Amino acid sequence: MCKIGCVVISKRGHDKGRPFVIVGTDGDFLYLADGDLRKLAKPKKKKLMHVQNTESISTEIAEMLETGSPRDEDLRKVLLRFGKNGEV
């Protein structure tokens, strides 16, 4: 199941194959950010069926989102670690 803080890979659109962190949910839609092209201030709204769940959860990002203190830099660091070893 996709939760806030999970890393997902886009399966459709211009951003196909790009990793994102889920920063919000709304029914069948997810709000995704990567801190680079999609900042936290304007996340990408994407249908759940258009992403692939990686089963990797960044607890530090999830906690930051709950307290309202994450930065785009934090997302970039998490996704960089994910890209190197396939898990957060």
N, C-alpha and C. Protein backbone atom coordinates (compact mmCIF):
# COMPACT_ATOMS: atom_id res chain seq x y z
N MET A 1 0.84 -1.19 0.00
CA MET A 1 0.00 0.00 0.00
C MET A 1 0.87 1.24 0.00
N CYS A 2 0.46 2.23 -0.74
CA CYS A 2 1.22 3.48 -0.85
C CYS A 2 0.84 4.42 0.29
N LYS A 3 1.86 4.81 1.07
CA LYS A 3 1.65 5.73 2.18
C LYS A 3 2.58 6.91 2.03
N ILE A 4 2.32 7.94 2.80
CA ILE A 4 3.19 9.12 2.79
C ILE A 4 4.58 8.69 3.24
N GLY A 5 5.57 9.12 2.48
CA GLY A 5 6.95 8.76 2.76
C GLY A 5 7.47 7.62 1.90
N CYS A 6 6.58 6.91 1.19
CA CYS A 6 7.01 5.81 0.32
C CYS A 6 7.68 6.36 -0.94
N VAL A 7 8.64 5.61 -1.44
CA VAL A 7 9.27 5.93 -2.71
C VAL A 7 8.56 5.13 -3.79
N VAL A 8 8.15 5.82 -4.86
CA VAL A 8 7.48 5.17 -5.98
C VAL A 8 8.19 5.56 -7.27
N ILE A 9 7.96 4.77 -8.31
CA ILE A 9 8.52 5.04 -9.63
C ILE A 9 7.35 5.33 -10.57
N SER A 10 7.46 6.40 -11.33
CA SER A 10 6.43 6.76 -12.29
C SER A 10 6.43 5.78 -13.45
N LYS A 11 5.23 5.28 -13.82
CA LYS A 11 5.11 4.34 -14.92
C LYS A 11 4.59 5.00 -16.19
N ARG A 12 4.04 6.20 -16.11
CA ARG A 12 3.43 6.87 -17.24
C ARG A 12 3.80 8.35 -17.24
N GLY A 13 3.74 8.94 -18.43
CA GLY A 13 3.92 10.38 -18.57
C GLY A 13 5.36 10.77 -18.89
N HIS A 14 5.61 12.07 -18.88
CA HIS A 14 6.94 12.61 -19.20
C HIS A 14 7.98 12.21 -18.17
N ASP A 15 7.52 11.91 -16.97
CA ASP A 15 8.43 11.57 -15.88
C ASP A 15 8.59 10.06 -15.71
N LYS A 16 8.27 9.28 -16.73
CA LYS A 16 8.33 7.81 -16.67
C LYS A 16 9.72 7.35 -16.23
N GLY A 17 9.74 6.43 -15.24
CA GLY A 17 10.99 5.87 -14.74
C GLY A 17 11.65 6.70 -13.64
N ARG A 18 11.10 7.82 -13.31
CA ARG A 18 11.69 8.72 -12.32
C ARG A 18 11.15 8.39 -10.92
N PRO A 19 12.02 8.35 -9.90
CA PRO A 19 11.55 8.09 -8.54
C PRO A 19 10.99 9.35 -7.88
N PHE A 20 9.97 9.17 -7.07
CA PHE A 20 9.34 10.26 -6.32
C PHE A 20 9.05 9.77 -4.90
N VAL A 21 8.83 10.72 -4.02
CA VAL A 21 8.37 10.43 -2.66
C VAL A 21 6.93 10.88 -2.57
N ILE A 22 6.08 10.05 -1.98
CA ILE A 22 4.68 10.42 -1.79
C ILE A 22 4.61 11.43 -0.65
N VAL A 23 4.08 12.63 -0.96
CA VAL A 23 3.98 13.66 0.07
C VAL A 23 2.52 13.94 0.46
N GLY A 24 1.59 13.27 -0.21
CA GLY A 24 0.18 13.42 0.13
C GLY A 24 -0.67 12.44 -0.66
N THR A 25 -1.89 12.21 -0.18
CA THR A 25 -2.82 11.31 -0.86
C THR A 25 -4.20 11.95 -0.88
N ASP A 26 -5.00 11.55 -1.89
CA ASP A 26 -6.37 12.04 -2.01
C ASP A 26 -7.16 11.01 -2.83
N GLY A 27 -7.73 10.04 -2.15
CA GLY A 27 -8.49 8.99 -2.84
C GLY A 27 -7.58 8.15 -3.73
N ASP A 28 -7.86 8.15 -5.04
CA ASP A 28 -7.06 7.39 -6.00
C ASP A 28 -5.87 8.19 -6.53
N PHE A 29 -5.62 9.37 -5.97
CA PHE A 29 -4.53 10.21 -6.43
C PHE A 29 -3.44 10.33 -5.37
N LEU A 30 -2.22 10.46 -5.85
CA LEU A 30 -1.06 10.67 -4.98
C LEU A 30 -0.44 12.01 -5.34
N TYR A 31 0.15 12.66 -4.37
CA TYR A 31 0.91 13.88 -4.60
C TYR A 31 2.38 13.53 -4.43
N LEU A 32 3.15 13.73 -5.50
CA LEU A 32 4.54 13.28 -5.54
C LEU A 32 5.49 14.45 -5.68
N ALA A 33 6.64 14.34 -5.03
CA ALA A 33 7.69 15.35 -5.15
C ALA A 33 9.04 14.66 -5.17
N ASP A 34 9.99 15.30 -5.83
CA ASP A 34 11.35 14.76 -5.84
C ASP A 34 12.38 15.78 -5.39
N GLY A 35 11.96 16.99 -5.10
CA GLY A 35 12.87 18.02 -4.62
C GLY A 35 13.68 18.65 -5.72
N ASP A 36 13.52 18.18 -6.95
CA ASP A 36 14.29 18.69 -8.08
C ASP A 36 13.34 19.33 -9.10
N LEU A 37 12.72 18.50 -9.93
CA LEU A 37 11.76 19.03 -10.90
C LEU A 37 10.40 19.30 -10.26
N ARG A 38 10.03 18.48 -9.30
CA ARG A 38 8.78 18.66 -8.57
C ARG A 38 9.10 18.98 -7.12
N LYS A 39 8.91 20.23 -6.77
CA LYS A 39 9.22 20.70 -5.42
C LYS A 39 8.05 20.40 -4.48
N LEU A 40 8.30 20.49 -3.19
CA LEU A 40 7.26 20.27 -2.19
C LEU A 40 6.16 21.32 -2.29
N ALA A 41 6.50 22.52 -2.74
CA ALA A 41 5.51 23.58 -2.86
C ALA A 41 4.49 23.31 -3.96
N LYS A 42 4.87 22.51 -4.97
CA LYS A 42 3.95 22.18 -6.06
C LYS A 42 4.16 20.73 -6.49
N PRO A 43 3.64 19.79 -5.69
CA PRO A 43 3.83 18.37 -6.02
C PRO A 43 3.01 17.95 -7.23
N LYS A 44 3.44 16.86 -7.85
CA LYS A 44 2.77 16.28 -9.01
C LYS A 44 1.59 15.44 -8.54
N LYS A 45 0.42 15.67 -9.12
CA LYS A 45 -0.76 14.86 -8.81
C LYS A 45 -0.80 13.74 -9.84
N LYS A 46 -0.79 12.49 -9.37
CA LYS A 46 -0.73 11.35 -10.26
C LYS A 46 -1.65 10.25 -9.75
N LYS A 47 -2.29 9.55 -10.68
CA LYS A 47 -3.15 8.44 -10.30
C LYS A 47 -2.32 7.30 -9.73
N LEU A 48 -2.92 6.62 -8.77
CA LEU A 48 -2.26 5.49 -8.10
C LEU A 48 -1.83 4.42 -9.09
N MET A 49 -2.64 4.17 -10.12
CA MET A 49 -2.31 3.11 -11.08
C MET A 49 -1.15 3.49 -12.00
N HIS A 50 -0.72 4.74 -11.97
CA HIS A 50 0.38 5.18 -12.83
C HIS A 50 1.73 5.21 -12.14
N VAL A 51 1.79 4.61 -10.95
CA VAL A 51 3.07 4.52 -10.23
C VAL A 51 3.31 3.08 -9.80
N GLN A 52 4.58 2.76 -9.64
CA GLN A 52 4.98 1.44 -9.16
C GLN A 52 5.52 1.61 -7.75
N ASN A 53 4.95 0.91 -6.81
CA ASN A 53 5.40 0.98 -5.42
C ASN A 53 6.70 0.20 -5.28
N THR A 54 7.68 0.78 -4.59
CA THR A 54 8.96 0.13 -4.41
C THR A 54 9.08 -0.55 -3.05
N GLU A 55 8.07 -0.41 -2.20
CA GLU A 55 8.07 -0.97 -0.85
C GLU A 55 9.12 -0.32 0.06
N SER A 56 9.76 0.75 -0.40
CA SER A 56 10.73 1.47 0.42
C SER A 56 10.04 2.68 1.05
N ILE A 57 10.17 2.81 2.35
CA ILE A 57 9.55 3.92 3.07
C ILE A 57 10.64 4.72 3.77
N SER A 58 10.61 6.02 3.58
CA SER A 58 11.53 6.91 4.28
C SER A 58 10.81 7.41 5.52
N THR A 59 11.13 6.82 6.66
CA THR A 59 10.47 7.23 7.91
C THR A 59 10.86 8.65 8.29
N GLU A 60 12.08 9.06 7.95
CA GLU A 60 12.49 10.42 8.29
C GLU A 60 11.67 11.45 7.51
N ILE A 61 11.39 11.19 6.24
CA ILE A 61 10.57 12.11 5.45
C ILE A 61 9.13 12.08 5.94
N ALA A 62 8.60 10.90 6.25
CA ALA A 62 7.24 10.80 6.77
C ALA A 62 7.09 11.60 8.06
N GLU A 63 8.08 11.51 8.94
CA GLU A 63 8.03 12.27 10.20
C GLU A 63 8.12 13.76 9.93
N MET A 64 8.99 14.15 8.99
CA MET A 64 9.11 15.57 8.65
C MET A 64 7.83 16.12 8.05
N LEU A 65 7.14 15.32 7.23
CA LEU A 65 5.88 15.76 6.63
C LEU A 65 4.80 15.94 7.69
N GLU A 66 4.82 15.09 8.71
CA GLU A 66 3.84 15.22 9.80
C GLU A 66 4.06 16.49 10.60
N THR A 67 5.32 16.85 10.81
CA THR A 67 5.63 18.06 11.59
C THR A 67 5.67 19.30 10.72
N GLY A 68 5.64 19.13 9.40
CA GLY A 68 5.62 20.28 8.50
C GLY A 68 6.97 20.92 8.27
N SER A 69 8.05 20.15 8.42
CA SER A 69 9.37 20.76 8.29
C SER A 69 10.29 20.17 7.21
N PRO A 70 9.78 19.42 6.21
CA PRO A 70 10.71 18.88 5.22
C PRO A 70 11.16 19.97 4.24
N ARG A 71 12.28 19.72 3.62
CA ARG A 71 12.81 20.63 2.60
C ARG A 71 13.04 19.82 1.33
N ASP A 72 13.11 20.51 0.21
CA ASP A 72 13.38 19.83 -1.06
C ASP A 72 14.73 19.12 -1.01
N GLU A 73 15.67 19.69 -0.32
CA GLU A 73 16.99 19.09 -0.16
C GLU A 73 16.90 17.72 0.51
N ASP A 74 16.02 17.59 1.50
CA ASP A 74 15.83 16.30 2.19
C ASP A 74 15.32 15.24 1.23
N LEU A 75 14.38 15.62 0.37
CA LEU A 75 13.84 14.67 -0.62
C LEU A 75 14.93 14.23 -1.59
N ARG A 76 15.74 15.17 -2.04
CA ARG A 76 16.82 14.82 -2.97
C ARG A 76 17.80 13.84 -2.34
N LYS A 77 18.12 14.03 -1.06
CA LYS A 77 19.05 13.12 -0.37
C LYS A 77 18.47 11.71 -0.28
N VAL A 78 17.19 11.61 0.07
CA VAL A 78 16.53 10.30 0.18
C VAL A 78 16.52 9.60 -1.17
N LEU A 79 16.17 10.32 -2.23
CA LEU A 79 16.11 9.71 -3.55
C LEU A 79 17.48 9.37 -4.09
N LEU A 80 18.50 10.10 -3.70
CA LEU A 80 19.87 9.77 -4.10
C LEU A 80 20.30 8.46 -3.46
N ARG A 81 20.00 8.29 -2.16
CA ARG A 81 20.31 7.04 -1.47
C ARG A 81 19.54 5.88 -2.11
N PHE A 82 18.27 6.13 -2.45
CA PHE A 82 17.45 5.09 -3.08
C PHE A 82 18.06 4.67 -4.41
N GLY A 83 18.53 5.62 -5.19
CA GLY A 83 19.10 5.32 -6.49
C GLY A 83 20.39 4.52 -6.39
N LYS A 84 21.14 4.69 -5.32
CA LYS A 84 22.42 3.99 -5.18
C LYS A 84 22.25 2.54 -4.77
N ASN A 85 21.29 2.26 -3.85
CA ASN A 85 21.18 0.88 -3.37
C ASN A 85 19.78 0.29 -3.48
N GLY A 86 18.83 1.03 -4.04
CA GLY A 86 17.50 0.49 -4.26
C GLY A 86 16.60 0.45 -3.04
N GLU A 87 17.06 1.01 -1.93
CA GLU A 87 16.22 1.12 -0.74
C GLU A 87 16.59 2.36 0.02
N VAL A 88 15.66 2.82 0.84
CA VAL A 88 15.87 4.06 1.59
C VAL A 88 16.47 3.78 2.93
